[in-house]
């Protein structure tokens, strides 16, 4: 009996040892794969230059040490950026190629979006540039890209790509040079013209290079570098595990409030796929004033949606409308339901007096005009989005000051502070209330208030 138990014990030890060795072998194999996967080849200057000459391009791909530095960035220091761009190119490049061909533009311009946004349709810069092609609000509006609290077509891969093609075509028509057109896409045609004048009216990008803004001096070299990296990624051992494939789609037209998560549940489709097809729908819903909005859905679901339209649409139009409508009107910088006017700053103006004049908040003014501080200058033009009541004021029609109903709490009337509220804003919401009175009622030593804070505004009757 003892011998049999001893033999069984030996067998267990041997099996355990074999399993351990198998695990170690698997770890070694995975480590070897990782080493191969992350191995960075040493590529010489002349090799890169020769490879660039192999690319058939209508846009000059000039090579120098500046370009080499950015090639090192995309192939050595930030290989993950290039890896992600390669994977996402399977989804976005077919869209880009379609419009570039339609407008007769060089196919290589598709790489420009990698520099602009990393192929992220919802990318937002500090300068409020948005989308795959990074349009600022004014340029987006010029090319008829709709922008409001619910929808921003700068995030739409199709509409934004067509707008980018139109803009690039105009820039090339003006400068008759692709490198200068790219520089102008980055900094604006005015700064490129200025650099041309300062250079003594030189005609090429590298000749006017010292007179361009710092970011623009790097822009064209980055374009050359990413073009190279996308063509020769495998030579630098840059691969990806799974491409981001295109979703075949069809459209349905909607002219109502529409809650996308509810709709996605009804048709049994992943909300991520619906967002991927419609990245320009920012809040997961369409506003009630949608006018034949073309919502993209997976093509295989089109017949089901059409056959069950009444039931699907009715359900999706009943979820979350009041909550989103409230947020759309009260969030800082919201333009929903407002009309834009331009105000030219005069001597003695400060943001507070301008806000008071138009019945808006200082935080709104700063958001609308991308202001980081309170500094404004005489002659500066400010965007102001006013409510329809502003026009009533112009026509001398009385407007009630009270625009909120207070909450009753422990025998007092209370206002709960919302994001962006100031004491002055709150004082304007209730009849007979002043900033000084607010301070007295709430024993405030300063104007600092926080979202969610309950402020006493008076006694209950």
Protein backbone atom coordinates (compact mmCIF):
# COMPACT_ATOMS: atom_id res chain seq x y z
CA UNK A 1 0.00 0.00 0.00
CA UNK A 2 2.81 2.36 0.93
CA UNK A 3 4.62 1.55 -2.34
CA UNK A 4 1.48 2.35 -4.38
CA UNK A 5 0.96 5.68 -2.62
CA UNK A 6 4.61 6.54 -3.17
CA UNK A 7 4.30 5.69 -6.86
CA UNK A 8 1.17 7.89 -7.19
CA UNK A 9 2.99 10.72 -5.45
CA UNK A 10 5.89 10.39 -7.92
CA UNK A 11 3.43 10.52 -10.84
CA UNK A 12 1.84 13.70 -9.45
CA UNK A 13 5.26 15.33 -9.11
CA UNK A 14 6.22 14.36 -12.67
CA UNK A 15 2.92 15.65 -14.11
CA UNK A 16 3.25 18.90 -12.15
CA UNK A 17 6.81 19.33 -13.33
CA UNK A 18 5.75 18.73 -16.96
CA UNK A 19 2.95 21.28 -16.66
CA UNK A 20 5.37 23.80 -15.15
CA UNK A 21 7.87 23.21 -17.96
CA UNK A 22 5.09 23.61 -20.53
CA UNK A 23 4.07 26.92 -18.95
CA UNK A 24 7.70 28.09 -18.89
CA UNK A 25 8.12 27.08 -22.52
CA UNK A 26 4.94 29.00 -23.42
CA UNK A 27 6.21 32.08 -21.55
CA UNK A 28 9.54 31.83 -23.37
CA UNK A 29 7.72 31.50 -26.70
CA UNK A 30 5.49 34.51 -25.89
CA UNK A 31 8.55 36.49 -24.84
CA UNK A 32 10.29 35.59 -28.11
CA UNK A 33 7.18 36.67 -30.05
CA UNK A 34 7.17 39.93 -28.08
CA UNK A 35 10.83 40.49 -28.87
CA UNK A 36 10.18 39.88 -32.56
CA UNK A 37 7.05 42.06 -32.43
CA UNK A 38 8.86 44.98 -30.78
CA UNK A 39 12.16 44.62 -32.61
CA UNK A 40 13.09 47.95 -34.21
CA UNK A 41 15.30 47.60 -37.29
CA UNK A 42 18.16 50.03 -37.75
CA UNK A 43 17.45 51.82 -41.04
CA UNK A 44 20.06 54.11 -42.54
CA UNK A 45 19.52 57.56 -44.04
CA UNK A 46 20.28 56.42 -47.60
CA UNK A 47 17.83 53.52 -47.36
CA UNK A 48 14.98 55.85 -46.39
CA UNK A 49 15.88 58.26 -49.17
CA UNK A 50 15.81 55.45 -51.74
CA UNK A 51 12.47 54.19 -50.47
CA UNK A 52 10.90 57.65 -50.69
CA UNK A 53 11.96 57.79 -54.33
CA UNK A 54 9.96 54.61 -54.94
CA UNK A 55 6.67 56.26 -53.88
CA UNK A 56 4.71 57.49 -56.89
CA UNK A 57 3.45 60.82 -55.55
CA UNK A 58 2.05 64.02 -57.06
CA UNK A 59 3.14 65.81 -53.88
CA UNK A 60 6.90 66.37 -53.43
CA UNK A 61 8.39 64.12 -50.75
CA UNK A 62 11.56 66.07 -50.07
CA UNK A 63 13.96 64.31 -47.68
CA UNK A 64 16.37 65.89 -45.22
CA UNK A 65 17.43 65.56 -41.58
CA UNK A 66 14.25 67.34 -40.46
CA UNK A 67 12.08 64.76 -42.20
CA UNK A 68 14.34 61.97 -40.92
CA UNK A 69 13.66 63.13 -37.35
CA UNK A 70 9.90 62.75 -37.84
CA UNK A 71 10.34 59.36 -39.56
CA UNK A 72 12.22 58.23 -36.45
CA UNK A 73 9.33 59.50 -34.36
CA UNK A 74 6.70 57.49 -36.27
CA UNK A 75 8.80 54.34 -36.69
CA UNK A 76 10.82 54.28 -33.45
CA UNK A 77 9.64 56.55 -30.63
CA UNK A 78 5.88 56.37 -31.20
CA UNK A 79 5.35 53.16 -33.13
CA UNK A 80 1.99 52.63 -31.42
CA UNK A 81 0.62 55.79 -33.09
CA UNK A 82 1.55 54.40 -36.51
CA UNK A 83 0.22 50.95 -35.59
CA UNK A 84 -3.19 52.40 -34.68
CA UNK A 85 -3.24 54.51 -37.84
CA UNK A 86 -2.59 51.42 -39.94
CA UNK A 87 -5.47 49.55 -38.29
CA UNK A 88 -7.89 52.49 -38.65
CA UNK A 89 -6.86 53.14 -42.25
CA UNK A 90 -8.91 50.11 -43.32
CA UNK A 91 -12.05 51.96 -42.21
CA UNK A 92 -11.31 55.56 -43.22
CA UNK A 93 -9.05 55.37 -46.29
CA UNK A 94 -11.78 54.01 -48.61
CA UNK A 95 -13.89 57.06 -47.69
CA UNK A 96 -10.98 59.45 -48.29
CA UNK A 97 -9.99 57.79 -51.57
CA UNK A 98 -13.54 58.08 -52.91
CA UNK A 99 -13.71 61.86 -52.40
CA UNK A 100 -10.09 62.53 -53.42
CA UNK A 101 -10.76 60.75 -56.71
CA UNK A 102 -14.05 62.62 -57.15
CA UNK A 103 -12.26 65.98 -56.80
CA UNK A 104 -9.21 64.93 -58.84
CA UNK A 105 -6.81 65.33 -55.90
CA UNK A 106 -3.65 63.33 -55.12
CA UNK A 107 -4.37 60.07 -53.32
CA UNK A 108 -1.52 60.76 -50.84
CA UNK A 109 -3.61 63.50 -49.21
CA UNK A 110 -5.36 60.74 -47.26
CA UNK A 111 -2.28 60.63 -45.01
CA UNK A 112 -2.91 64.24 -43.98
CA UNK A 113 -5.73 63.18 -41.66
CA UNK A 114 -3.27 61.06 -39.66
CA UNK A 115 -1.26 64.21 -38.89
CA UNK A 116 -4.43 66.16 -38.12
CA UNK A 117 -6.33 63.71 -35.93
CA UNK A 118 -4.68 60.28 -35.80
CA UNK A 119 -7.77 59.06 -37.72
CA UNK A 120 -10.03 59.89 -34.76
CA UNK A 121 -13.34 61.40 -35.98
CA UNK A 122 -14.04 62.91 -32.54
CA UNK A 123 -10.63 64.48 -32.01
CA UNK A 124 -10.81 68.00 -30.50
CA UNK A 125 -7.83 70.35 -30.31
CA UNK A 126 -7.17 73.15 -27.82
CA UNK A 127 -8.07 75.61 -30.58
CA UNK A 128 -11.54 73.96 -30.91
CA UNK A 129 -10.62 72.26 -34.20
CA UNK A 130 -12.70 69.10 -34.52
CA UNK A 131 -12.82 65.84 -36.43
CA UNK A 132 -10.69 63.81 -38.82
CA UNK A 133 -9.69 66.95 -40.74
CA UNK A 134 -9.65 69.34 -37.76
CA UNK A 135 -11.94 72.12 -38.91
CA UNK A 136 -12.29 75.14 -36.64
CA UNK A 137 -15.89 76.36 -36.25
CA UNK A 138 -15.60 79.22 -38.77
CA UNK A 139 -14.04 77.11 -41.54
CA UNK A 140 -16.52 74.32 -40.86
CA UNK A 141 -19.41 76.75 -41.22
CA UNK A 142 -17.92 78.15 -44.45
CA UNK A 143 -18.06 74.65 -45.93
CA UNK A 144 -21.62 74.08 -44.65
CA UNK A 145 -20.74 71.64 -41.89
CA UNK A 146 -23.63 71.89 -39.44
CA UNK A 147 -22.65 72.44 -35.79
CA UNK A 148 -24.88 72.56 -32.73
CA UNK A 149 -25.20 70.94 -29.30
CA UNK A 150 -26.54 67.68 -30.73
CA UNK A 151 -24.83 67.40 -34.13
CA UNK A 152 -21.36 68.37 -35.36
CA UNK A 153 -20.73 67.44 -38.99
CA UNK A 154 -17.04 68.20 -38.57
CA UNK A 155 -17.06 64.72 -36.97
CA UNK A 156 -18.84 63.14 -39.93
CA UNK A 157 -16.20 61.23 -41.99
CA UNK A 158 -18.15 61.73 -45.22
CA UNK A 159 -19.23 65.38 -44.97
CA UNK A 160 -15.94 66.51 -43.41
CA UNK A 161 -13.83 64.68 -46.02
CA UNK A 162 -15.72 66.34 -48.85
CA UNK A 163 -15.25 69.72 -47.16
CA UNK A 164 -11.52 69.02 -46.75
CA UNK A 165 -11.25 68.16 -50.45
CA UNK A 166 -12.91 71.44 -51.40
CA UNK A 167 -10.62 73.40 -49.09
CA UNK A 168 -7.44 71.66 -50.28
CA UNK A 169 -8.49 72.16 -53.89
CA UNK A 170 -8.98 75.90 -53.31
CA UNK A 171 -5.62 76.20 -51.55
CA UNK A 172 -3.82 74.44 -54.39
CA UNK A 173 -5.60 76.53 -57.01
CA UNK A 174 -4.40 79.63 -55.15
CA UNK A 175 -0.75 78.68 -54.49
CA UNK A 176 -0.26 76.24 -57.42
CA UNK A 177 2.03 74.24 -55.13
CA UNK A 178 1.08 71.29 -52.93
CA UNK A 179 3.63 71.94 -50.19
CA UNK A 180 2.40 75.53 -49.80
CA UNK A 181 -1.21 74.30 -49.91
CA UNK A 182 -0.45 71.92 -47.04
CA UNK A 183 1.24 74.70 -45.08
CA UNK A 184 -1.82 76.91 -45.64
CA UNK A 185 -4.13 74.10 -44.49
CA UNK A 186 -2.27 74.18 -41.18
CA UNK A 187 -1.79 77.89 -40.55
CA UNK A 188 -4.17 79.57 -42.99
CA UNK A 189 -3.38 81.12 -46.38
CA UNK A 190 -2.76 84.55 -44.84
CA UNK A 191 0.27 83.41 -42.85
CA UNK A 192 1.72 81.60 -45.86
CA UNK A 193 1.34 84.77 -47.97
CA UNK A 194 3.01 86.72 -45.18
CA UNK A 195 5.94 84.27 -45.13
CA UNK A 196 6.26 84.59 -48.92
CA UNK A 197 6.48 88.39 -48.62
CA UNK A 198 9.03 88.25 -45.78
CA UNK A 199 11.20 85.80 -47.71
CA UNK A 200 11.47 88.22 -50.61
CA UNK A 201 8.73 86.48 -52.58
CA UNK A 202 10.33 83.06 -52.73
CA UNK A 203 8.12 80.38 -54.26
CA UNK A 204 8.72 77.08 -52.41
CA UNK A 205 7.98 75.74 -48.91
CA UNK A 206 11.63 75.15 -47.98
CA UNK A 207 12.61 78.64 -49.18
CA UNK A 208 9.99 80.36 -47.01
CA UNK A 209 10.42 77.80 -44.20
CA UNK A 210 12.21 80.18 -41.72
CA UNK A 211 9.37 82.72 -41.93
CA UNK A 212 6.51 80.29 -41.26
CA UNK A 213 4.97 79.71 -37.81
CA UNK A 214 6.80 77.08 -35.79
CA UNK A 215 4.04 74.47 -36.03
CA UNK A 216 3.75 74.94 -39.80
CA UNK A 217 7.51 74.50 -40.26
CA UNK A 218 7.03 70.97 -38.89
CA UNK A 219 3.77 70.24 -40.72
CA UNK A 220 5.05 69.36 -44.19
CA UNK A 221 7.98 67.28 -42.82
CA UNK A 222 5.46 65.36 -40.71
CA UNK A 223 3.33 64.72 -43.79
CA UNK A 224 6.34 63.31 -45.67
CA UNK A 225 7.28 61.21 -42.63
CA UNK A 226 3.85 59.65 -42.11
CA UNK A 227 3.52 58.98 -45.85
CA UNK A 228 6.80 57.08 -45.66
CA UNK A 229 5.80 55.25 -42.45
CA UNK A 230 2.49 54.07 -43.90
CA UNK A 231 4.18 52.79 -47.07
CA UNK A 232 7.07 51.02 -45.33
CA UNK A 233 5.65 50.06 -41.93
CA UNK A 234 6.49 46.38 -42.42
CA UNK A 235 10.13 47.23 -43.16
CA UNK A 236 10.22 48.80 -39.70
CA UNK A 237 8.50 45.75 -38.15
CA UNK A 238 5.29 47.71 -37.46
CA UNK A 239 2.23 45.46 -37.64
CA UNK A 240 -1.23 45.41 -36.08
CA UNK A 241 -3.38 42.57 -34.77
CA UNK A 242 -6.79 43.39 -36.23
CA UNK A 243 -7.86 46.00 -38.79
CA UNK A 244 -10.77 48.35 -38.17
CA UNK A 245 -13.02 47.21 -41.01
CA UNK A 246 -15.71 49.26 -42.73
CA UNK A 247 -19.35 48.62 -41.75
CA UNK A 248 -21.61 48.48 -44.79
CA UNK A 249 -24.53 50.81 -44.17
CA UNK A 250 -27.78 52.22 -45.47
CA UNK A 251 -29.68 55.27 -44.19
CA UNK A 252 -33.07 56.12 -42.72
CA UNK A 253 -34.39 59.69 -42.63
CA UNK A 254 -35.60 61.17 -39.35
CA UNK A 255 -37.32 64.46 -38.54
CA UNK A 256 -37.96 64.07 -34.82
CA UNK A 257 -36.31 63.67 -31.45
CA UNK A 258 -34.66 60.25 -31.51
CA UNK A 259 -32.79 58.38 -28.75
CA UNK A 260 -30.07 56.21 -30.30
CA UNK A 261 -29.35 53.82 -27.36
CA UNK A 262 -33.05 52.89 -27.22
CA UNK A 263 -33.11 52.35 -30.98
CA UNK A 264 -29.93 50.23 -30.81
CA UNK A 265 -31.53 47.97 -28.17
CA UNK A 266 -34.66 47.58 -30.28
CA UNK A 267 -32.83 46.48 -33.43
CA UNK A 268 -30.26 44.44 -31.46
CA UNK A 269 -27.20 46.28 -32.71
CA UNK A 270 -24.17 47.31 -30.67
CA UNK A 271 -24.34 51.00 -29.74
CA UNK A 272 -20.62 51.27 -30.54
CA UNK A 273 -21.34 50.29 -34.15
CA UNK A 274 -24.12 52.88 -34.38
CA UNK A 275 -21.74 55.53 -32.99
CA UNK A 276 -19.02 54.41 -35.37
CA UNK A 277 -21.37 54.98 -38.30
CA UNK A 278 -22.64 58.29 -36.87
CA UNK A 279 -19.79 59.91 -34.89
CA UNK A 280 -21.27 63.35 -35.61
CA UNK A 281 -24.24 62.59 -33.29
CA UNK A 282 -22.61 63.92 -30.12
CA UNK A 283 -25.20 63.23 -27.42
CA UNK A 284 -26.60 59.87 -28.51
CA UNK A 285 -29.79 61.56 -29.71
CA UNK A 286 -31.22 63.71 -32.50
CA UNK A 287 -33.02 66.96 -31.60
CA UNK A 288 -36.74 67.42 -32.19
CA UNK A 289 -36.06 69.92 -34.98
CA UNK A 290 -34.10 67.39 -37.06
CA UNK A 291 -34.91 67.88 -40.73
CA UNK A 292 -34.60 64.65 -42.71
CA UNK A 293 -31.46 63.66 -40.81
CA UNK A 294 -29.90 60.64 -42.52
CA UNK A 295 -29.04 58.16 -39.77
CA UNK A 296 -26.67 55.41 -40.89
CA UNK A 297 -27.55 51.85 -39.86
CA UNK A 298 -26.01 48.46 -40.77
CA UNK A 299 -27.25 47.58 -44.26
CA UNK A 300 -28.64 44.18 -43.23
CA UNK A 301 -31.05 45.87 -40.79
CA UNK A 302 -32.60 48.33 -43.23
CA UNK A 303 -35.53 46.12 -44.21
CA UNK A 304 -36.38 45.31 -40.58
CA UNK A 305 -36.33 49.00 -39.62
CA UNK A 306 -38.51 50.00 -42.57
CA UNK A 307 -41.01 47.21 -41.84
CA UNK A 308 -41.28 48.18 -38.16
CA UNK A 309 -40.81 51.92 -38.54
CA UNK A 310 -43.84 53.09 -36.53
CA UNK A 311 -43.12 50.98 -33.46
CA UNK A 312 -39.35 51.61 -33.46
CA UNK A 313 -39.58 55.36 -34.03
CA UNK A 314 -42.37 55.89 -31.50
CA UNK A 315 -40.42 54.14 -28.74
CA UNK A 316 -37.09 55.85 -29.50
CA UNK A 317 -38.76 59.27 -29.47
CA UNK A 318 -40.02 58.94 -25.89
CA UNK A 319 -36.79 58.44 -23.94
CA UNK A 320 -34.70 61.22 -22.38
CA UNK A 321 -35.96 64.19 -24.39
CA UNK A 322 -36.70 66.50 -21.45
CA UNK A 323 -33.40 65.73 -19.73
CA UNK A 324 -31.32 66.31 -22.87
CA UNK A 325 -33.28 69.43 -23.81
CA UNK A 326 -32.57 70.89 -20.36
CA UNK A 327 -28.86 70.06 -20.63
CA UNK A 328 -28.68 71.48 -24.13
CA UNK A 329 -30.00 74.84 -22.97
CA UNK A 330 -28.17 75.14 -19.65
CA UNK A 331 -24.71 73.71 -20.37
CA UNK A 332 -21.82 76.18 -20.61
CA UNK A 333 -21.31 77.38 -24.17
CA UNK A 334 -24.55 75.90 -25.48
CA UNK A 335 -25.83 77.48 -28.68
CA UNK A 336 -29.00 75.40 -28.88
CA UNK A 337 -32.08 77.56 -29.59
CA UNK A 338 -29.93 80.70 -29.83
CA UNK A 339 -28.98 83.08 -32.63
CA UNK A 340 -25.43 84.29 -33.21
CA UNK A 341 -24.52 87.96 -33.35
CA UNK A 342 -21.10 89.64 -33.53
CA UNK A 343 -20.12 92.22 -30.93
CA UNK A 344 -17.18 94.57 -31.39
CA UNK A 345 -15.44 95.40 -28.11
CA UNK A 346 -15.47 99.11 -27.21
CA UNK A 347 -13.49 101.21 -24.75
CA UNK A 348 -14.52 100.36 -21.19
CA UNK A 349 -16.01 96.95 -22.04
CA UNK A 350 -15.37 93.93 -19.86
CA UNK A 351 -16.84 90.46 -20.24
CA UNK A 352 -19.24 91.06 -17.35
CA UNK A 353 -20.87 94.14 -18.91
CA UNK A 354 -21.15 92.45 -22.31
CA UNK A 355 -22.72 89.39 -20.68
CA UNK A 356 -25.21 91.61 -18.85
CA UNK A 357 -26.10 93.46 -22.05
CA UNK A 358 -27.04 90.27 -23.90
CA UNK A 359 -28.41 88.22 -21.00
CA UNK A 360 -25.72 85.53 -21.16
CA UNK A 361 -23.07 84.24 -18.77
CA UNK A 362 -19.41 85.21 -18.71
CA UNK A 363 -18.52 81.50 -18.91
CA UNK A 364 -20.59 81.25 -22.10
CA UNK A 365 -18.76 84.18 -23.68
CA UNK A 366 -15.41 82.59 -22.87
CA UNK A 367 -16.48 79.24 -24.30
CA UNK A 368 -17.95 80.71 -27.50
CA UNK A 369 -14.78 82.69 -28.16
CA UNK A 370 -12.20 80.20 -26.89
CA UNK A 371 -10.99 82.64 -24.22
CA UNK A 372 -8.80 81.23 -21.45
CA UNK A 373 -8.86 84.36 -19.33
CA UNK A 374 -10.94 87.52 -18.96
CA UNK A 375 -8.72 89.69 -21.18
CA UNK A 376 -10.38 91.30 -24.23
CA UNK A 377 -9.12 94.14 -26.42
CA UNK A 378 -10.74 97.13 -28.09
CA UNK A 379 -11.85 96.27 -31.61
CA UNK A 380 -11.98 92.54 -30.94
CA UNK A 381 -15.02 90.75 -32.41
CA UNK A 382 -16.84 88.41 -30.04
CA UNK A 383 -19.39 85.74 -30.90
CA UNK A 384 -22.49 86.08 -28.75
CA UNK A 385 -25.31 83.54 -28.95
CA UNK A 386 -28.50 85.22 -27.77
CA UNK A 387 -31.91 83.81 -26.89
CA UNK A 388 -34.95 84.91 -28.91
CA UNK A 389 -35.91 87.09 -25.93
CA UNK A 390 -33.01 89.38 -26.83
CA UNK A 391 -34.83 90.49 -29.97
CA UNK A 392 -37.94 91.15 -27.89
CA UNK A 393 -35.82 93.43 -25.76
CA UNK A 394 -34.69 95.32 -28.85
CA UNK A 395 -38.32 95.88 -29.74
CA UNK A 396 -38.95 97.29 -26.26
CA UNK A 397 -41.17 94.41 -25.26
CA UNK A 398 -41.07 93.71 -21.51
CA UNK A 399 -39.32 90.53 -20.52
CA UNK A 400 -39.88 88.95 -17.14
CA UNK A 401 -36.72 88.71 -15.11
CA UNK A 402 -37.83 85.55 -13.31
CA UNK A 403 -37.01 82.60 -15.52
CA UNK A 404 -36.79 79.88 -12.86
CA UNK A 405 -39.06 78.48 -10.21
CA UNK A 406 -37.21 78.22 -6.85
CA UNK A 407 -37.17 75.02 -4.82
CA UNK A 408 -38.77 75.14 -1.34
CA UNK A 409 -36.56 73.67 1.40
CA UNK A 410 -37.08 74.04 5.17
CA UNK A 411 -39.23 77.12 4.78
CA UNK A 412 -36.84 78.84 2.41
CA UNK A 413 -36.66 79.36 -1.34
CA UNK A 414 -33.53 77.68 -2.69
CA UNK A 415 -31.63 77.69 -5.99
CA UNK A 416 -29.26 74.78 -6.72
CA UNK A 417 -26.14 76.04 -8.46
CA UNK A 418 -25.57 74.63 -11.96
CA UNK A 419 -22.30 74.36 -13.88
CA UNK A 420 -21.29 77.81 -15.13
CA UNK A 421 -23.57 79.77 -12.76
CA UNK A 422 -22.28 82.96 -11.14
CA UNK A 423 -23.93 85.03 -8.41
CA UNK A 424 -24.77 87.64 -11.01
CA UNK A 425 -26.43 85.01 -13.24
CA UNK A 426 -28.52 83.74 -10.33
CA UNK A 427 -29.53 87.25 -9.27
CA UNK A 428 -30.94 87.78 -12.76
CA UNK A 429 -33.10 84.67 -12.52
CA UNK A 430 -35.35 85.85 -9.67
CA UNK A 431 -37.36 89.03 -9.23
CA UNK A 432 -35.99 91.51 -6.67
CA UNK A 433 -32.76 89.61 -6.06
CA UNK A 434 -29.31 91.22 -6.12
CA UNK A 435 -25.79 89.86 -5.75
CA UNK A 436 -25.42 91.64 -2.39
CA UNK A 437 -28.68 90.14 -1.14
CA UNK A 438 -27.48 86.66 -2.18
CA UNK A 439 -24.30 87.14 -0.18
CA UNK A 440 -26.24 88.25 2.89
CA UNK A 441 -28.75 85.39 2.75
CA UNK A 442 -26.00 82.80 2.39
CA UNK A 443 -23.30 84.48 4.52
CA UNK A 444 -20.82 84.50 1.64
CA UNK A 445 -17.52 86.36 1.95
CA UNK A 446 -16.75 86.07 -1.77
CA UNK A 447 -18.29 85.08 -5.11
CA UNK A 448 -17.07 81.47 -5.07
CA UNK A 449 -19.88 78.95 -5.60
CA UNK A 450 -19.84 75.33 -6.77
CA UNK A 451 -22.24 73.21 -8.85
CA UNK A 452 -24.82 71.50 -6.64
CA UNK A 453 -24.54 74.09 -3.84
CA UNK A 454 -27.96 75.17 -2.47
CA UNK A 455 -28.30 78.96 -2.28
CA UNK A 456 -31.06 80.62 -0.29
CA UNK A 457 -32.81 83.24 -2.39
CA UNK A 458 -35.62 84.17 -0.03
CA UNK A 459 -38.27 83.05 2.45
CA UNK A 460 -41.35 81.05 1.47
CA UNK A 461 -44.62 83.00 1.57
